[in-house]
Amino acid sequence: MFGSPQRGVNAYAKVGLETGIAAASPHKLIVMLYDGAIVAILNGITQMKAGNIEEKGKAISKAIQIIDNGLRASLDREVGGEIARNLDALYEYMSGRLLTANLQNDPAMLEEVRGLLADLRDTWKQIGDEPAGSTPVRTPAMAHG
C-alpha cells in the first residue's frame, strides 16, 4: 500500500536534495555539481571493479552529464575570459577520459578525473569561503609573532 521502505528513503533524499538546491547560492551549486560528479565516478569505480557493466556505464554517464550539462554549461566564456576557456578545455578532456575509461574498463582513468574534479572543487570551495573583498590584516603583534 505504501511502497517499499527504500522508495520512501529515495523520495526523502530527493526532497532533501531539491530543498538544498533551491536554497543554495550559485557558488554552492557549483560545489554540489563537483560533489555529484565525484560521487558518480567513485560509484563507477566500484561498479567497474565488481564487473557490473550496466551500473558502471550509468555511473560514468551521470558523471559526464554533470560535467557537460552542469559545469561546462555554467561557464560564462565572455566574462570568464581565459580562465573560462581553460576550464572548458579541461572539462572536455575529463569527459573524453571518462568515456575512454568506460570503453577500456580502466579505473586509473576514472581516478585521474576524480582527482582533477576534487582539486577544482577544493579550490572553488576556498574561493567561496572567503568573504568578498577580504584581505588578511596584519597587526604589529602578528608581524612579530
C-alpha atoms as a PDB file:
ATOM      1  CA  MET A   1       0.000   0.000   0.000  1.00  0.00           C
ATOM      2  CA  PHE A   2       2.792   2.473   0.891  1.00  0.00           C
ATOM      3  CA  GLY A   3       5.576   1.046  -1.285  1.00  0.00           C
ATOM      4  CA  SER A   4       8.928  -0.220  -0.182  1.00  0.00           C
ATOM      5  CA  PRO A   5      10.963   1.423   2.587  1.00  0.00           C
ATOM      6  CA  GLN A   6      13.726   2.089   0.029  1.00  0.00           C
ATOM      7  CA  ARG A   7      11.270   4.021  -2.107  1.00  0.00           C
ATOM      8  CA  GLY A   8      10.423   6.216   0.885  1.00  0.00           C
ATOM      9  CA  VAL A   9      14.101   6.793   1.604  1.00  0.00           C
ATOM     10  CA  ASN A  10      14.699   7.731  -2.032  1.00  0.00           C
ATOM     11  CA  ALA A  11      11.765  10.161  -2.007  1.00  0.00           C
ATOM     12  CA  TYR A  12      13.037  11.734   1.217  1.00  0.00           C
ATOM     13  CA  ALA A  13      16.551  12.080  -0.230  1.00  0.00           C
ATOM     14  CA  LYS A  14      15.139  13.680  -3.388  1.00  0.00           C
ATOM     15  CA  VAL A  15      13.168  16.235  -1.352  1.00  0.00           C
ATOM     16  CA  GLY A  16      16.309  16.977   0.683  1.00  0.00           C
ATOM     17  CA  LEU A  17      18.346  17.457  -2.484  1.00  0.00           C
ATOM     18  CA  GLU A  18      15.696  19.658  -4.105  1.00  0.00           C
ATOM     19  CA  THR A  19      15.441  21.761  -0.960  1.00  0.00           C
ATOM     20  CA  GLY A  20      19.228  22.080  -0.826  1.00  0.00           C
ATOM     21  CA  ILE A  21      19.326  23.160  -4.458  1.00  0.00           C
ATOM     22  CA  ALA A  22      16.556  25.724  -4.008  1.00  0.00           C
ATOM     23  CA  ALA A  23      18.331  27.272  -1.021  1.00  0.00           C
ATOM     24  CA  ALA A  24      21.860  27.154  -2.458  1.00  0.00           C
ATOM     25  CA  SER A  25      23.808  30.111  -3.758  1.00  0.00           C
ATOM     26  CA  PRO A  26      25.185  29.862  -7.304  1.00  0.00           C
ATOM     27  CA  HIS A  27      28.590  29.212  -5.739  1.00  0.00           C
ATOM     28  CA  LYS A  28      27.224  26.353  -3.640  1.00  0.00           C
ATOM     29  CA  LEU A  29      25.507  24.876  -6.708  1.00  0.00           C
ATOM     30  CA  ILE A  30      28.882  24.532  -8.442  1.00  0.00           C
ATOM     31  CA  VAL A  31      30.270  22.749  -5.362  1.00  0.00           C
ATOM     32  CA  MET A  32      27.243  20.437  -5.484  1.00  0.00           C
ATOM     33  CA  LEU A  33      27.948  19.681  -9.157  1.00  0.00           C
ATOM     34  CA  TYR A  34      31.559  18.807  -8.338  1.00  0.00           C
ATOM     35  CA  ASP A  35      30.367  16.600  -5.466  1.00  0.00           C
ATOM     36  CA  GLY A  36      27.833  14.849  -7.700  1.00  0.00           C
ATOM     37  CA  ALA A  37      30.398  14.139 -10.410  1.00  0.00           C
ATOM     38  CA  ILE A  38      32.914  12.836  -7.865  1.00  0.00           C
ATOM     39  CA  VAL A  39      30.326  10.524  -6.264  1.00  0.00           C
ATOM     40  CA  ALA A  40      29.275   9.241  -9.701  1.00  0.00           C
ATOM     41  CA  ILE A  41      32.903   8.490 -10.599  1.00  0.00           C
ATOM     42  CA  LEU A  42      33.503   6.697  -7.294  1.00  0.00           C
ATOM     43  CA  ASN A  43      30.386   4.653  -7.966  1.00  0.00           C
ATOM     44  CA  GLY A  44      31.712   3.923 -11.462  1.00  0.00           C
ATOM     45  CA  ILE A  45      34.998   2.679  -9.999  1.00  0.00           C
ATOM     46  CA  THR A  46      33.135   0.429  -7.545  1.00  0.00           C
ATOM     47  CA  GLN A  47      30.876  -0.972 -10.278  1.00  0.00           C
ATOM     48  CA  MET A  48      33.815  -1.441 -12.651  1.00  0.00           C
ATOM     49  CA  LYS A  49      35.752  -3.425 -10.066  1.00  0.00           C
ATOM     50  CA  ALA A  50      32.639  -5.508  -9.308  1.00  0.00           C
ATOM     51  CA  GLY A  51      32.200  -6.288 -13.014  1.00  0.00           C
ATOM     52  CA  ASN A  52      28.745  -4.693 -13.124  1.00  0.00           C
ATOM     53  CA  ILE A  53      28.898  -3.284 -16.646  1.00  0.00           C
ATOM     54  CA  GLU A  54      25.411  -1.757 -16.763  1.00  0.00           C
ATOM     55  CA  GLU A  55      25.723   0.135 -13.467  1.00  0.00           C
ATOM     56  CA  LYS A  56      29.290   1.187 -14.329  1.00  0.00           C
ATOM     57  CA  GLY A  57      28.037   2.700 -17.575  1.00  0.00           C
ATOM     58  CA  LYS A  58      25.198   4.514 -15.810  1.00  0.00           C
ATOM     59  CA  ALA A  59      27.530   5.978 -13.199  1.00  0.00           C
ATOM     60  CA  ILE A  60      30.096   7.162 -15.730  1.00  0.00           C
ATOM     61  CA  SER A  61      27.357   8.583 -17.972  1.00  0.00           C
ATOM     62  CA  LYS A  62      25.993  10.501 -14.992  1.00  0.00           C
ATOM     63  CA  ALA A  63      29.445  11.985 -14.307  1.00  0.00           C
ATOM     64  CA  ILE A  64      29.786  13.006 -17.957  1.00  0.00           C
ATOM     65  CA  GLN A  65      26.341  14.624 -17.902  1.00  0.00           C
ATOM     66  CA  ILE A  66      27.197  16.600 -14.771  1.00  0.00           C
ATOM     67  CA  ILE A  67      30.449  17.806 -16.321  1.00  0.00           C
ATOM     68  CA  ASP A  68      28.970  18.643 -19.736  1.00  0.00           C
ATOM     69  CA  ASN A  69      25.464  19.840 -18.834  1.00  0.00           C
ATOM     70  CA  GLY A  70      26.299  21.350 -15.451  1.00  0.00           C
ATOM     71  CA  LEU A  71      29.879  22.509 -15.100  1.00  0.00           C
ATOM     72  CA  ARG A  72      30.637  23.298 -18.760  1.00  0.00           C
ATOM     73  CA  ALA A  73      27.200  24.775 -19.363  1.00  0.00           C
ATOM     74  CA  SER A  74      27.620  27.142 -16.406  1.00  0.00           C
ATOM     75  CA  LEU A  75      30.796  28.711 -17.804  1.00  0.00           C
ATOM     76  CA  ASP A  76      30.477  32.302 -18.990  1.00  0.00           C
ATOM     77  CA  ARG A  77      33.089  32.339 -21.713  1.00  0.00           C
ATOM     78  CA  GLU A  78      32.711  36.075 -22.394  1.00  0.00           C
ATOM     79  CA  VAL A  79      33.074  37.269 -18.803  1.00  0.00           C
ATOM     80  CA  GLY A  80      35.377  34.449 -17.687  1.00  0.00           C
ATOM     81  CA  GLY A  81      37.909  35.027 -20.454  1.00  0.00           C
ATOM     82  CA  GLU A  82      40.957  32.794 -20.458  1.00  0.00           C
ATOM     83  CA  ILE A  83      40.031  31.046 -17.201  1.00  0.00           C
ATOM     84  CA  ALA A  84      36.653  30.009 -18.611  1.00  0.00           C
ATOM     85  CA  ARG A  85      38.273  28.813 -21.847  1.00  0.00           C
ATOM     86  CA  ASN A  86      40.830  26.778 -19.893  1.00  0.00           C
ATOM     87  CA  LEU A  87      38.126  25.238 -17.693  1.00  0.00           C
ATOM     88  CA  ASP A  88      36.059  24.444 -20.783  1.00  0.00           C
ATOM     89  CA  ALA A  89      39.028  22.606 -22.315  1.00  0.00           C
ATOM     90  CA  LEU A  90      39.680  20.771 -19.035  1.00  0.00           C
ATOM     91  CA  TYR A  91      36.031  19.702 -18.738  1.00  0.00           C
ATOM     92  CA  GLU A  92      36.130  18.484 -22.348  1.00  0.00           C
ATOM     93  CA  TYR A  93      39.285  16.495 -21.540  1.00  0.00           C
ATOM     94  CA  MET A  94      37.623  14.982 -18.454  1.00  0.00           C
ATOM     95  CA  SER A  95      34.543  13.889 -20.405  1.00  0.00           C
ATOM     96  CA  GLY A  96      36.756  12.254 -23.018  1.00  0.00           C
ATOM     97  CA  ARG A  97      38.786  10.456 -20.363  1.00  0.00           C
ATOM     98  CA  LEU A  98      35.613   9.186 -18.687  1.00  0.00           C
ATOM     99  CA  LEU A  99      34.305   7.869 -22.000  1.00  0.00           C
ATOM    100  CA  THR A 100      37.623   6.151 -22.739  1.00  0.00           C
ATOM    101  CA  ALA A 101      37.760   4.722 -19.197  1.00  0.00           C
ATOM    102  CA  ASN A 102      34.302   3.262 -19.681  1.00  0.00           C
ATOM    103  CA  LEU A 103      35.197   1.683 -23.018  1.00  0.00           C
ATOM    104  CA  GLN A 104      38.560   0.339 -21.829  1.00  0.00           C
ATOM    105  CA  ASN A 105      37.420  -0.595 -18.298  1.00  0.00           C
ATOM    106  CA  ASP A 106      40.263   1.486 -16.853  1.00  0.00           C
ATOM    107  CA  PRO A 107      39.779   2.551 -13.212  1.00  0.00           C
ATOM    108  CA  ALA A 108      43.030   4.567 -13.298  1.00  0.00           C
ATOM    109  CA  MET A 109      41.476   6.977 -15.816  1.00  0.00           C
ATOM    110  CA  LEU A 110      38.422   7.339 -13.601  1.00  0.00           C
ATOM    111  CA  GLU A 111      40.669   8.053 -10.644  1.00  0.00           C
ATOM    112  CA  GLU A 112      42.576  10.671 -12.672  1.00  0.00           C
ATOM    113  CA  VAL A 113      39.368  12.577 -13.437  1.00  0.00           C
ATOM    114  CA  ARG A 114      38.145  12.186  -9.859  1.00  0.00           C
ATOM    115  CA  GLY A 115      41.392  13.776  -8.658  1.00  0.00           C
ATOM    116  CA  LEU A 116      41.082  16.681 -11.093  1.00  0.00           C
ATOM    117  CA  LEU A 117      37.497  17.319 -10.008  1.00  0.00           C
ATOM    118  CA  ALA A 118      38.448  17.111  -6.326  1.00  0.00           C
ATOM    119  CA  ASP A 119      41.208  19.699  -6.826  1.00  0.00           C
ATOM    120  CA  LEU A 120      38.846  22.049  -8.664  1.00  0.00           C
ATOM    121  CA  ARG A 121      36.155  21.527  -6.022  1.00  0.00           C
ATOM    122  CA  ASP A 122      38.557  22.313  -3.178  1.00  0.00           C
ATOM    123  CA  THR A 123      39.761  25.462  -4.928  1.00  0.00           C
ATOM    124  CA  TRP A 124      36.216  26.575  -5.727  1.00  0.00           C
ATOM    125  CA  LYS A 125      35.147  25.927  -2.130  1.00  0.00           C
ATOM    126  CA  GLN A 126      38.054  28.015  -0.770  1.00  0.00           C
ATOM    127  CA  ILE A 127      37.072  30.899  -3.025  1.00  0.00           C
ATOM    128  CA  GLY A 128      33.546  30.746  -1.632  1.00  0.00           C
ATOM    129  CA  ASP A 129      34.708  30.576   1.978  1.00  0.00           C
ATOM    130  CA  GLU A 130      36.481  33.933   1.705  1.00  0.00           C
ATOM    131  CA  PRO A 131      34.247  36.982   2.250  1.00  0.00           C
ATOM    132  CA  ALA A 132      34.170  39.300  -0.763  1.00  0.00           C
ATOM    133  CA  GLY A 133      36.914  41.885  -0.729  1.00  0.00           C
ATOM    134  CA  SER A 134      38.584  40.413   2.319  1.00  0.00           C
ATOM    135  CA  THR A 135      42.297  40.619   2.716  1.00  0.00           C
ATOM    136  CA  PRO A 136      44.144  39.485   5.784  1.00  0.00           C
ATOM    137  CA  VAL A 137      45.069  42.349   8.069  1.00  0.00           C
ATOM    138  CA  ARG A 138      48.418  42.087   9.797  1.00  0.00           C
ATOM    139  CA  THR A 139      48.728  43.859  13.090  1.00  0.00           C
ATOM    140  CA  PRO A 140      52.130  44.701  14.557  1.00  0.00           C
ATOM    141  CA  ALA A 141      51.664  41.880  17.066  1.00  0.00           C
ATOM    142  CA  MET A 142      51.166  39.372  14.219  1.00  0.00           C
ATOM    143  CA  ALA A 143      54.196  40.647  12.357  1.00  0.00           C
ATOM    144  CA  HIS A 144      56.457  39.843  15.274  1.00  0.00           C
ATOM    145  CA  GLY A 145      54.791  36.599  16.381  1.00  0.00           C
END
